[in-house]
Amino acid sequence: MLALCVTCIWVFLYLRVRNWRSARLSNPKRLPLPPGPRPTLWIGNLRDMPSCYTWLQYEAWAKQYGDVVHVEVLGKHILILNSLETAVELCEKRSHIYSDRPRMPMLKEL
């Protein structure tokens, strides 16, 4: 039983450190992230994320934090764009800066 607990803790800490390193590598200049709700230690904003009627929560966050809201869920960073103008500005006008696709080895290597 003790070995199982120690193994679970080790795996959790390993995954947490790996996510922390990848987040650090993705933001090497350590630029500030947009404002958002304060994350908890291990799960981030998982409890804050709505499961239904998401637009109501996003509207409340827009009133509190602005048009661009940052949340972190289980080590993944998510940006929520709350206005059409902001979405057009970031996704169309500045798309050459932000556009990138995740690596998908199963699609390319098969």
PDB file of N, CA and C in Angstrom:
ATOM      1  N   MET A   1       0.827  -1.198   0.000  1.00  0.00           N
ATOM      2  CA  MET A   1       0.000   0.000   0.000  1.00  0.00           C
ATOM      3  C   MET A   1       0.867   1.256   0.000  1.00  0.00           C
ATOM      4  N   LEU A   2       1.915   1.230   0.792  1.00  0.00           N
ATOM      5  CA  LEU A   2       2.823   2.373   0.861  1.00  0.00           C
ATOM      6  C   LEU A   2       3.544   2.561  -0.473  1.00  0.00           C
ATOM      7  N   ALA A   3       3.935   1.453  -1.088  1.00  0.00           N
ATOM      8  CA  ALA A   3       4.617   1.536  -2.383  1.00  0.00           C
ATOM      9  C   ALA A   3       3.695   2.131  -3.443  1.00  0.00           C
ATOM     10  N   LEU A   4       2.422   1.775  -3.400  1.00  0.00           N
ATOM     11  CA  LEU A   4       1.457   2.326  -4.354  1.00  0.00           C
ATOM     12  C   LEU A   4       1.304   3.834  -4.168  1.00  0.00           C
ATOM     13  N   CYS A   5       1.226   4.283  -2.932  1.00  0.00           N
ATOM     14  CA  CYS A   5       1.096   5.717  -2.653  1.00  0.00           C
ATOM     15  C   CYS A   5       2.336   6.472  -3.115  1.00  0.00           C
ATOM     16  N   VAL A   6       3.504   5.925  -2.825  1.00  0.00           N
ATOM     17  CA  VAL A   6       4.747   6.583  -3.227  1.00  0.00           C
ATOM     18  C   VAL A   6       4.845   6.643  -4.750  1.00  0.00           C
ATOM     19  N   THR A   7       4.445   5.568  -5.438  1.00  0.00           N
ATOM     20  CA  THR A   7       4.482   5.545  -6.893  1.00  0.00           C
ATOM     21  C   THR A   7       3.521   6.577  -7.479  1.00  0.00           C
ATOM     22  N   CYS A   8       2.329   6.671  -6.926  1.00  0.00           N
ATOM     23  CA  CYS A   8       1.353   7.661  -7.409  1.00  0.00           C
ATOM     24  C   CYS A   8       1.866   9.078  -7.217  1.00  0.00           C
ATOM     25  N   ILE A   9       2.448   9.354  -6.077  1.00  0.00           N
ATOM     26  CA  ILE A   9       2.986  10.690  -5.811  1.00  0.00           C
ATOM     27  C   ILE A   9       4.135  10.987  -6.766  1.00  0.00           C
ATOM     28  N   TRP A  10       5.004  10.013  -7.003  1.00  0.00           N
ATOM     29  CA  TRP A  10       6.129  10.215  -7.905  1.00  0.00           C
ATOM     30  C   TRP A  10       5.649  10.503  -9.325  1.00  0.00           C
ATOM     31  N   VAL A  11       4.668   9.739  -9.802  1.00  0.00           N
ATOM     32  CA  VAL A  11       4.142   9.948 -11.157  1.00  0.00           C
ATOM     33  C   VAL A  11       3.499  11.320 -11.258  1.00  0.00           C
ATOM     34  N   PHE A  12       2.731  11.721 -10.260  1.00  0.00           N
ATOM     35  CA  PHE A  12       2.088  13.027 -10.268  1.00  0.00           C
ATOM     36  C   PHE A  12       3.124  14.143 -10.311  1.00  0.00           C
ATOM     37  N   LEU A  13       4.150  14.058  -9.469  1.00  0.00           N
ATOM     38  CA  LEU A  13       5.177  15.096  -9.452  1.00  0.00           C
ATOM     39  C   LEU A  13       5.971  15.120 -10.756  1.00  0.00           C
ATOM     40  N   TYR A  14       6.230  13.953 -11.331  1.00  0.00           N
ATOM     41  CA  TYR A  14       6.938  13.899 -12.609  1.00  0.00           C
ATOM     42  C   TYR A  14       6.139  14.608 -13.697  1.00  0.00           C
ATOM     43  N   LEU A  15       4.842  14.319 -13.779  1.00  0.00           N
ATOM     44  CA  LEU A  15       4.005  14.961 -14.795  1.00  0.00           C
ATOM     45  C   LEU A  15       3.901  16.455 -14.561  1.00  0.00           C
ATOM     46  N   ARG A  16       3.829  16.859 -13.310  1.00  0.00           N
ATOM     47  CA  ARG A  16       3.725  18.280 -12.985  1.00  0.00           C
ATOM     48  C   ARG A  16       4.999  19.027 -13.384  1.00  0.00           C
ATOM     49  N   VAL A  17       6.159  18.452 -13.089  1.00  0.00           N
ATOM     50  CA  VAL A  17       7.424  19.090 -13.448  1.00  0.00           C
ATOM     51  C   VAL A  17       7.591  19.127 -14.963  1.00  0.00           C
ATOM     52  N   ARG A  18       7.189  18.063 -15.648  1.00  0.00           N
ATOM     53  CA  ARG A  18       7.281  18.034 -17.106  1.00  0.00           C
ATOM     54  C   ARG A  18       6.407  19.128 -17.720  1.00  0.00           C
ATOM     55  N   ASN A  19       5.179  19.303 -17.215  1.00  0.00           N
ATOM     56  CA  ASN A  19       4.308  20.367 -17.712  1.00  0.00           C
ATOM     57  C   ASN A  19       4.885  21.742 -17.406  1.00  0.00           C
ATOM     58  N   TRP A  20       5.509  21.887 -16.231  1.00  0.00           N
ATOM     59  CA  TRP A  20       6.104  23.169 -15.857  1.00  0.00           C
ATOM     60  C   TRP A  20       7.258  23.506 -16.794  1.00  0.00           C
ATOM     61  N   ARG A  21       8.086  22.505 -17.109  1.00  0.00           N
ATOM     62  CA  ARG A  21       9.206  22.743 -18.015  1.00  0.00           C
ATOM     63  C   ARG A  21       8.724  23.091 -19.416  1.00  0.00           C
ATOM     64  N   SER A  22       7.707  22.385 -19.905  1.00  0.00           N
ATOM     65  CA  SER A  22       7.214  22.680 -21.254  1.00  0.00           C
ATOM     66  C   SER A  22       6.584  24.066 -21.303  1.00  0.00           C
ATOM     67  N   ALA A  23       5.910  24.479 -20.235  1.00  0.00           N
ATOM     68  CA  ALA A  23       5.343  25.833 -20.203  1.00  0.00           C
ATOM     69  C   ALA A  23       6.455  26.871 -20.181  1.00  0.00           C
ATOM     70  N   ARG A  24       7.530  26.569 -19.471  1.00  0.00           N
ATOM     71  CA  ARG A  24       8.653  27.494 -19.415  1.00  0.00           C
ATOM     72  C   ARG A  24       9.347  27.589 -20.767  1.00  0.00           C
ATOM     73  N   LEU A  25       9.450  26.476 -21.467  1.00  0.00           N
ATOM     74  CA  LEU A  25      10.080  26.486 -22.776  1.00  0.00           C
ATOM     75  C   LEU A  25       9.205  27.172 -23.820  1.00  0.00           C
ATOM     76  N   SER A  26       7.887  27.104 -23.665  1.00  0.00           N
ATOM     77  CA  SER A  26       7.005  27.754 -24.624  1.00  0.00           C
ATOM     78  C   SER A  26       6.950  29.262 -24.424  1.00  0.00           C
ATOM     79  N   ASN A  27       7.391  29.749 -23.280  1.00  0.00           N
ATOM     80  CA  ASN A  27       7.428  31.180 -22.995  1.00  0.00           C
ATOM     81  C   ASN A  27       8.832  31.523 -22.470  1.00  0.00           C
ATOM     82  N   PRO A  28       9.866  31.440 -23.325  1.00  0.00           N
ATOM     83  CA  PRO A  28      11.228  31.603 -22.829  1.00  0.00           C
ATOM     84  C   PRO A  28      11.521  33.007 -22.304  1.00  0.00           C
ATOM     85  N   LYS A  29      10.833  34.011 -22.808  1.00  0.00           N
ATOM     86  CA  LYS A  29      11.072  35.372 -22.323  1.00  0.00           C
ATOM     87  C   LYS A  29      10.286  35.677 -21.058  1.00  0.00           C
ATOM     88  N   ARG A  30       9.469  34.728 -20.635  1.00  0.00           N
ATOM     89  CA  ARG A  30       8.630  34.867 -19.432  1.00  0.00           C
ATOM     90  C   ARG A  30       7.772  36.129 -19.494  1.00  0.00           C
ATOM     91  N   LEU A  31       7.131  36.293 -20.632  1.00  0.00           N
ATOM     92  CA  LEU A  31       6.219  37.419 -20.790  1.00  0.00           C
ATOM     93  C   LEU A  31       4.995  37.208 -19.913  1.00  0.00           C
ATOM     94  N   PRO A  32       4.392  38.262 -19.425  1.00  0.00           N
ATOM     95  CA  PRO A  32       3.220  38.091 -18.561  1.00  0.00           C
ATOM     96  C   PRO A  32       2.026  37.555 -19.340  1.00  0.00           C
ATOM     97  N   LEU A  33       1.260  36.713 -18.685  1.00  0.00           N
ATOM     98  CA  LEU A  33       0.049  36.165 -19.291  1.00  0.00           C
ATOM     99  C   LEU A  33      -1.115  37.114 -19.034  1.00  0.00           C
ATOM    100  N   PRO A  34      -2.155  37.053 -19.844  1.00  0.00           N
ATOM    101  CA  PRO A  34      -3.325  37.905 -19.601  1.00  0.00           C
ATOM    102  C   PRO A  34      -3.950  37.579 -18.246  1.00  0.00           C
ATOM    103  N   PRO A  35      -4.737  38.490 -17.699  1.00  0.00           N
ATOM    104  CA  PRO A  35      -5.360  38.235 -16.406  1.00  0.00           C
ATOM    105  C   PRO A  35      -6.424  37.151 -16.495  1.00  0.00           C
ATOM    106  N   GLY A  36      -6.700  36.548 -15.360  1.00  0.00           N
ATOM    107  CA  GLY A  36      -7.715  35.506 -15.293  1.00  0.00           C
ATOM    108  C   GLY A  36      -7.919  35.073 -13.861  1.00  0.00           C
ATOM    109  N   PRO A  37      -8.818  34.150 -13.629  1.00  0.00           N
ATOM    110  CA  PRO A  37      -9.050  33.679 -12.260  1.00  0.00           C
ATOM    111  C   PRO A  37      -7.812  32.993 -11.709  1.00  0.00           C
ATOM    112  N   ARG A  38      -7.628  33.099 -10.435  1.00  0.00           N
ATOM    113  CA  ARG A  38      -6.442  32.544  -9.780  1.00  0.00           C
ATOM    114  C   ARG A  38      -6.526  31.015  -9.756  1.00  0.00           C
ATOM    115  N   PRO A  39      -5.505  30.321 -10.288  1.00  0.00           N
ATOM    116  CA  PRO A  39      -5.549  28.854 -10.299  1.00  0.00           C
ATOM    117  C   PRO A  39      -5.169  28.265  -8.949  1.00  0.00           C
ATOM    118  N   THR A  40      -5.687  27.068  -8.680  1.00  0.00           N
ATOM    119  CA  THR A  40      -5.258  26.343  -7.483  1.00  0.00           C
ATOM    120  C   THR A  40      -3.973  25.598  -7.806  1.00  0.00           C
ATOM    121  N   LEU A  41      -3.367  24.995  -6.810  1.00  0.00           N
ATOM    122  CA  LEU A  41      -2.016  24.472  -6.931  1.00  0.00           C
ATOM    123  C   LEU A  41      -1.866  23.408  -8.005  1.00  0.00           C
ATOM    124  N   TRP A  42      -2.617  22.338  -7.980  1.00  0.00           N
ATOM    125  CA  TRP A  42      -2.356  21.224  -8.889  1.00  0.00           C
ATOM    126  C   TRP A  42      -3.331  21.137 -10.054  1.00  0.00           C
ATOM    127  N   ILE A  43      -4.557  21.536  -9.844  1.00  0.00           N
ATOM    128  CA  ILE A  43      -5.551  21.360 -10.911  1.00  0.00           C
ATOM    129  C   ILE A  43      -5.810  22.638 -11.690  1.00  0.00           C
ATOM    130  N   GLY A  44      -5.213  23.723 -11.286  1.00  0.00           N
ATOM    131  CA  GLY A  44      -5.399  24.983 -12.005  1.00  0.00           C
ATOM    132  C   GLY A  44      -6.813  25.515 -11.828  1.00  0.00           C
ATOM    133  N   ASN A  45      -7.451  25.856 -12.930  1.00  0.00           N
ATOM    134  CA  ASN A  45      -8.805  26.407 -12.898  1.00  0.00           C
ATOM    135  C   ASN A  45      -9.856  25.364 -13.262  1.00  0.00           C
ATOM    136  N   LEU A  46      -9.585  24.118 -13.000  1.00  0.00           N
ATOM    137  CA  LEU A  46     -10.509  23.053 -13.378  1.00  0.00           C
ATOM    138  C   LEU A  46     -11.876  23.246 -12.730  1.00  0.00           C
ATOM    139  N   ARG A  47     -11.904  23.644 -11.479  1.00  0.00           N
ATOM    140  CA  ARG A  47     -13.187  23.861 -10.783  1.00  0.00           C
ATOM    141  C   ARG A  47     -13.919  25.094 -11.303  1.00  0.00           C
ATOM    142  N   ASP A  48     -13.182  26.047 -11.846  1.00  0.00           N
ATOM    143  CA  ASP A  48     -13.803  27.280 -12.339  1.00  0.00           C
ATOM    144  C   ASP A  48     -14.412  27.124 -13.727  1.00  0.00           C
ATOM    145  N   MET A  49     -13.965  26.131 -14.481  1.00  0.00           N
ATOM    146  CA  MET A  49     -14.444  25.953 -15.853  1.00  0.00           C
ATOM    147  C   MET A  49     -15.881  25.433 -15.851  1.00  0.00           C
ATOM    148  N   PRO A  50     -16.757  26.108 -16.563  1.00  0.00           N
ATOM    149  CA  PRO A  50     -18.159  25.678 -16.590  1.00  0.00           C
ATOM    150  C   PRO A  50     -18.348  24.462 -17.489  1.00  0.00           C
ATOM    151  N   SER A  51     -19.291  23.612 -17.107  1.00  0.00           N
ATOM    152  CA  SER A  51     -19.594  22.445 -17.948  1.00  0.00           C
ATOM    153  C   SER A  51     -20.808  22.695 -18.842  1.00  0.00           C
ATOM    154  N   CYS A  52     -21.649  23.634 -18.472  1.00  0.00           N
ATOM    155  CA  CYS A  52     -22.774  24.011 -19.321  1.00  0.00           C
ATOM    156  C   CYS A  52     -22.987  25.523 -19.176  1.00  0.00           C
ATOM    157  N   TYR A  53     -23.642  26.102 -20.156  1.00  0.00           N
ATOM    158  CA  TYR A  53     -23.845  27.557 -20.213  1.00  0.00           C
ATOM    159  C   TYR A  53     -22.509  28.293 -20.058  1.00  0.00           C
ATOM    160  N   THR A  54     -21.543  27.865 -20.848  1.00  0.00           N
ATOM    161  CA  THR A  54     -20.195  28.419 -20.725  1.00  0.00           C
ATOM    162  C   THR A  54     -20.149  29.917 -21.004  1.00  0.00           C
ATOM    163  N   TRP A  55     -20.990  30.370 -21.917  1.00  0.00           N
ATOM    164  CA  TRP A  55     -20.958  31.786 -22.292  1.00  0.00           C
ATOM    165  C   TRP A  55     -21.291  32.695 -21.117  1.00  0.00           C
ATOM    166  N   LEU A  56     -22.072  32.230 -20.156  1.00  0.00           N
ATOM    167  CA  LEU A  56     -22.386  33.064 -18.996  1.00  0.00           C
ATOM    168  C   LEU A  56     -21.151  33.281 -18.126  1.00  0.00           C
ATOM    169  N   GLN A  57     -20.380  32.222 -17.914  1.00  0.00           N
ATOM    170  CA  GLN A  57     -19.153  32.348 -17.120  1.00  0.00           C
ATOM    171  C   GLN A  57     -18.121  33.196 -17.862  1.00  0.00           C
ATOM    172  N   TYR A  58     -18.012  32.990 -19.175  1.00  0.00           N
ATOM    173  CA  TYR A  58     -17.059  33.768 -19.950  1.00  0.00           C
ATOM    174  C   TYR A  58     -17.435  35.246 -19.965  1.00  0.00           C
ATOM    175  N   GLU A  59     -18.730  35.543 -19.982  1.00  0.00           N
ATOM    176  CA  GLU A  59     -19.172  36.939 -19.933  1.00  0.00           C
ATOM    177  C   GLU A  59     -18.835  37.570 -18.583  1.00  0.00           C
ATOM    178  N   ALA A  60     -19.014  36.807 -17.512  1.00  0.00           N
ATOM    179  CA  ALA A  60     -18.655  37.322 -16.189  1.00  0.00           C
ATOM    180  C   ALA A  60     -17.148  37.574 -16.091  1.00  0.00           C
ATOM    181  N   TRP A  61     -16.345  36.667 -16.654  1.00  0.00           N
ATOM    182  CA  TRP A  61     -14.901  36.872 -16.655  1.00  0.00           C
ATOM    183  C   TRP A  61     -14.519  38.061 -17.515  1.00  0.00           C
ATOM    184  N   ALA A  62     -15.233  38.279 -18.620  1.00  0.00           N
ATOM    185  CA  ALA A  62     -14.937  39.425 -19.486  1.00  0.00           C
ATOM    186  C   ALA A  62     -15.179  40.732 -18.744  1.00  0.00           C
ATOM    187  N   LYS A  63     -16.228  40.792 -17.959  1.00  0.00           N
ATOM    188  CA  LYS A  63     -16.505  42.002 -17.185  1.00  0.00           C
ATOM    189  C   LYS A  63     -15.450  42.218 -16.111  1.00  0.00           C
ATOM    190  N   GLN A  64     -14.918  41.122 -15.549  1.00  0.00           N
ATOM    191  CA  GLN A  64     -13.956  41.228 -14.460  1.00  0.00           C
ATOM    192  C   GLN A  64     -12.518  41.395 -14.957  1.00  0.00           C
ATOM    193  N   TYR A  65     -12.118  40.654 -16.011  1.00  0.00           N
ATOM    194  CA  TYR A  65     -10.716  40.620 -16.430  1.00  0.00           C
ATOM    195  C   TYR A  65     -10.433  41.270 -17.770  1.00  0.00           C
ATOM    196  N   GLY A  66     -11.431  41.500 -18.592  1.00  0.00           N
ATOM    197  CA  GLY A  66     -11.212  42.103 -19.902  1.00  0.00           C
ATOM    198  C   GLY A  66     -11.515  41.136 -21.033  1.00  0.00           C
ATOM    199  N   ASP A  67     -11.170  41.539 -22.262  1.00  0.00           N
ATOM    200  CA  ASP A  67     -11.512  40.757 -23.451  1.00  0.00           C
ATOM    201  C   ASP A  67     -10.707  39.472 -23.590  1.00  0.00           C
ATOM    202  N   VAL A  68      -9.487  39.448 -23.083  1.00  0.00           N
ATOM    203  CA  VAL A  68      -8.649  38.250 -23.174  1.00  0.00           C
ATOM    204  C   VAL A  68      -8.450  37.713 -21.758  1.00  0.00           C
ATOM    205  N   VAL A  69      -8.877  36.463 -21.540  1.00  0.00           N
ATOM    206  CA  VAL A  69      -8.809  35.839 -20.219  1.00  0.00           C
ATOM    207  C   VAL A  69      -7.931  34.595 -20.326  1.00  0.00           C
ATOM    208  N   HIS A  70      -7.046  34.410 -19.361  1.00  0.00           N
ATOM    209  CA  HIS A  70      -6.165  33.248 -19.327  1.00  0.00           C
ATOM    210  C   HIS A  70      -6.600  32.318 -18.193  1.00  0.00           C
ATOM    211  N   VAL A  71      -6.764  31.040 -18.512  1.00  0.00           N
ATOM    212  CA  VAL A  71      -7.014  30.016 -17.501  1.00  0.00           C
ATOM    213  C   VAL A  71      -6.037  28.872 -17.738  1.00  0.00           C
ATOM    214  N   GLU A  72      -5.747  28.152 -16.676  1.00  0.00           N
ATOM    215  CA  GLU A  72      -4.874  26.981 -16.763  1.00  0.00           C
ATOM    216  C   GLU A  72      -5.640  25.795 -16.208  1.00  0.00           C
ATOM    217  N   VAL A  73      -5.763  24.749 -17.015  1.00  0.00           N
ATOM    218  CA  VAL A  73      -6.489  23.552 -16.595  1.00  0.00           C
ATOM    219  C   VAL A  73      -5.551  22.362 -16.729  1.00  0.00           C
ATOM    220  N   LEU A  74      -5.189  21.785 -15.601  1.00  0.00           N
ATOM    221  CA  LEU A  74      -4.307  20.618 -15.542  1.00  0.00           C
ATOM    222  C   LEU A  74      -3.020  20.835 -16.335  1.00  0.00           C
ATOM    223  N   GLY A  75      -2.431  21.999 -16.200  1.00  0.00           N
ATOM    224  CA  GLY A  75      -1.163  22.306 -16.853  1.00  0.00           C
ATOM    225  C   GLY A  75      -1.270  22.847 -18.261  1.00  0.00           C
ATOM    226  N   LYS A  76      -2.447  22.899 -18.827  1.00  0.00           N
ATOM    227  CA  LYS A  76      -2.647  23.441 -20.171  1.00  0.00           C
ATOM    228  C   LYS A  76      -3.133  24.880 -20.064  1.00  0.00           C
ATOM    229  N   HIS A  77      -2.520  25.761 -20.820  1.00  0.00           N
ATOM    230  CA  HIS A  77      -2.901  27.170 -20.805  1.00  0.00           C
ATOM    231  C   HIS A  77      -3.949  27.416 -21.882  1.00  0.00           C
ATOM    232  N   ILE A  78      -5.022  28.114 -21.520  1.00  0.00           N
ATOM    233  CA  ILE A  78      -6.130  28.379 -22.423  1.00  0.00           C
ATOM    234  C   ILE A  78      -6.398  29.883 -22.423  1.00  0.00           C
ATOM    235  N   LEU A  79      -6.511  30.460 -23.616  1.00  0.00           N
ATOM    236  CA  LEU A  79      -6.896  31.855 -23.752  1.00  0.00           C
ATOM    237  C   LEU A  79      -8.330  31.921 -24.245  1.00  0.00           C
ATOM    238  N   ILE A  80      -9.127  32.729 -23.594  1.00  0.00           N
ATOM    239  CA  ILE A  80     -10.527  32.914 -23.962  1.00  0.00           C
ATOM    240  C   ILE A  80     -10.672  34.330 -24.508  1.00  0.00           C
ATOM    241  N   LEU A  81     -11.118  34.425 -25.750  1.00  0.00           N
ATOM    242  CA  LEU A  81     -11.325  35.721 -26.392  1.00  0.00           C
ATOM    243  C   LEU A  81     -12.804  36.066 -26.310  1.00  0.00           C
ATOM    244  N   ASN A  82     -13.127  37.188 -25.672  1.00  0.00           N
ATOM    245  CA  ASN A  82     -14.506  37.513 -25.356  1.00  0.00           C
ATOM    246  C   ASN A  82     -15.155  38.531 -26.274  1.00  0.00           C
ATOM    247  N   SER A  83     -14.474  38.985 -27.294  1.00  0.00           N
ATOM    248  CA  SER A  83     -15.108  39.923 -28.214  1.00  0.00           C
ATOM    249  C   SER A  83     -14.683  39.598 -29.640  1.00  0.00           C
ATOM    250  N   LEU A  84     -15.532  39.952 -30.568  1.00  0.00           N
ATOM    251  CA  LEU A  84     -15.251  39.710 -31.980  1.00  0.00           C
ATOM    252  C   LEU A  84     -14.039  40.518 -32.436  1.00  0.00           C
ATOM    253  N   GLU A  85     -13.924  41.750 -31.968  1.00  0.00           N
ATOM    254  CA  GLU A  85     -12.801  42.593 -32.369  1.00  0.00           C
ATOM    255  C   GLU A  85     -11.466  41.988 -31.939  1.00  0.00           C
ATOM    256  N   THR A  86     -11.405  41.480 -30.719  1.00  0.00           N
ATOM    257  CA  THR A  86     -10.177  40.857 -30.225  1.00  0.00           C
ATOM    258  C   THR A  86      -9.862  39.590 -31.004  1.00  0.00           C
ATOM    259  N   ALA A  87     -10.878  38.791 -31.289  1.00  0.00           N
ATOM    260  CA  ALA A  87     -10.665  37.552 -32.042  1.00  0.00           C
ATOM    261  C   ALA A  87     -10.159  37.853 -33.448  1.00  0.00           C
ATOM    262  N   VAL A  88     -10.731  38.857 -34.109  1.00  0.00           N
ATOM    263  CA  VAL A  88     -10.282  39.231 -35.454  1.00  0.00           C
ATOM    264  C   VAL A  88      -8.853  39.760 -35.397  1.00  0.00           C
ATOM    265  N   GLU A  89      -8.564  40.576 -34.410  1.00  0.00           N
ATOM    266  CA  GLU A  89      -7.221  41.148 -34.281  1.00  0.00           C
ATOM    267  C   GLU A  89      -6.164  40.061 -34.096  1.00  0.00           C
ATOM    268  N   LEU A  90      -6.416  39.124 -33.191  1.00  0.00           N
ATOM    269  CA  LEU A  90      -5.404  38.105 -32.894  1.00  0.00           C
ATOM    270  C   LEU A  90      -5.379  36.962 -33.901  1.00  0.00           C
ATOM    271  N   CYS A  91      -6.534  36.549 -34.376  1.00  0.00           N
ATOM    272  CA  CYS A  91      -6.591  35.362 -35.242  1.00  0.00           C
ATOM    273  C   CYS A  91      -6.450  35.663 -36.725  1.00  0.00           C
ATOM    274  N   GLU A  92      -6.780  36.865 -37.155  1.00  0.00           N
ATOM    275  CA  GLU A  92      -6.661  37.192 -38.580  1.00  0.00           C
ATOM    276  C   GLU A  92      -5.514  38.156 -38.860  1.00  0.00           C
ATOM    277  N   LYS A  93      -5.490  39.268 -38.164  1.00  0.00           N
ATOM    278  CA  LYS A  93      -4.477  40.273 -38.462  1.00  0.00           C
ATOM    279  C   LYS A  93      -3.086  39.868 -37.975  1.00  0.00           C
ATOM    280  N   ARG A  94      -3.017  39.166 -36.861  1.00  0.00           N
ATOM    281  CA  ARG A  94      -1.717  38.740 -36.326  1.00  0.00           C
ATOM    282  C   ARG A  94      -1.529  37.227 -36.431  1.00  0.00           C
ATOM    283  N   SER A  95      -2.175  36.601 -37.380  1.00  0.00           N
ATOM    284  CA  SER A  95      -2.131  35.142 -37.477  1.00  0.00           C
ATOM    285  C   SER A  95      -0.729  34.619 -37.767  1.00  0.00           C
ATOM    286  N   HIS A  96       0.095  35.398 -38.441  1.00  0.00           N
ATOM    287  CA  HIS A  96       1.454  34.947 -38.736  1.00  0.00           C
ATOM    288  C   HIS A  96       2.295  34.796 -37.469  1.00  0.00           C
ATOM    289  N   ILE A  97       1.926  35.475 -36.405  1.00  0.00           N
ATOM    290  CA  ILE A  97       2.654  35.360 -35.141  1.00  0.00           C
ATOM    291  C   ILE A  97       2.173  34.157 -34.340  1.00  0.00           C
ATOM    292  N   TYR A  98       0.862  33.946 -34.298  1.00  0.00           N
ATOM    293  CA  TYR A  98       0.277  32.985 -33.374  1.00  0.00           C
ATOM    294  C   TYR A  98      -0.074  31.637 -33.986  1.00  0.00           C
ATOM    295  N   SER A  99      -0.105  31.526 -35.305  1.00  0.00           N
ATOM    296  CA  SER A  99      -0.568  30.270 -35.890  1.00  0.00           C
ATOM    297  C   SER A  99       0.534  29.211 -35.812  1.00  0.00           C
ATOM    298  N   ASP A 100       0.156  28.070 -35.316  1.00  0.00           N
ATOM    299  CA  ASP A 100       1.042  26.933 -35.218  1.00  0.00           C
ATOM    300  C   ASP A 100       0.176  25.706 -35.010  1.00  0.00           C
ATOM    301  N   ARG A 101       0.637  24.590 -35.488  1.00  0.00           N
ATOM    302  CA  ARG A 101      -0.128  23.362 -35.323  1.00  0.00           C
ATOM    303  C   ARG A 101       0.637  22.425 -34.415  1.00  0.00           C
ATOM    304  N   PRO A 102      -0.077  21.716 -33.569  1.00  0.00           N
ATOM    305  CA  PRO A 102       0.607  20.727 -32.737  1.00  0.00           C
ATOM    306  C   PRO A 102       1.127  19.569 -33.580  1.00  0.00           C
ATOM    307  N   ARG A 103       2.181  18.948 -33.135  1.00  0.00           N
ATOM    308  CA  ARG A 103       2.747  17.814 -33.854  1.00  0.00           C
ATOM    309  C   ARG A 103       1.829  16.624 -33.694  1.00  0.00           C
ATOM    310  N   MET A 104       1.473  15.966 -34.789  1.00  0.00           N
ATOM    311  CA  MET A 104       0.591  14.804 -34.765  1.00  0.00           C
ATOM    312  C   MET A 104       1.308  13.620 -35.405  1.00  0.00           C
ATOM    313  N   PRO A 105       2.063  12.874 -34.622  1.00  0.00           N
ATOM    314  CA  PRO A 105       2.866  11.800 -35.207  1.00  0.00           C
ATOM    315  C   PRO A 105       2.015  10.673 -35.806  1.00  0.00           C
ATOM    316  N   MET A 106       0.856  10.414 -35.274  1.00  0.00           N
ATOM    317  CA  MET A 106       0.032   9.325 -35.791  1.00  0.00           C
ATOM    318  C   MET A 106      -0.464   9.629 -37.208  1.00  0.00           C
ATOM    319  N   LEU A 107      -0.721  10.881 -37.520  1.00  0.00           N
ATOM    320  CA  LEU A 107      -1.206  11.224 -38.854  1.00  0.00           C
ATOM    321  C   LEU A 107      -0.070  11.284 -39.873  1.00  0.00           C
ATOM    322  N   LYS A 108       1.081  11.788 -39.472  1.00  0.00           N
ATOM    323  CA  LYS A 108       2.164  11.989 -40.411  1.00  0.00           C
ATOM    324  C   LYS A 108       3.000  10.717 -40.626  1.00  0.00           C
ATOM    325  N   GLU A 109       3.184   9.942 -39.596  1.00  0.00           N
ATOM    326  CA  GLU A 109       4.084   8.792 -39.682  1.00  0.00           C
ATOM    327  C   GLU A 109       3.396   7.538 -40.209  1.00  0.00           C
ATOM    328  N   LEU A 110       2.083   7.534 -40.263  1.00  0.00           N
ATOM    329  CA  LEU A 110       1.401   6.360 -40.804  1.00  0.00           C
ATOM    330  C   LEU A 110       1.382   6.477 -42.275  1.00  0.00           C
TER     331      LEU A 110
END
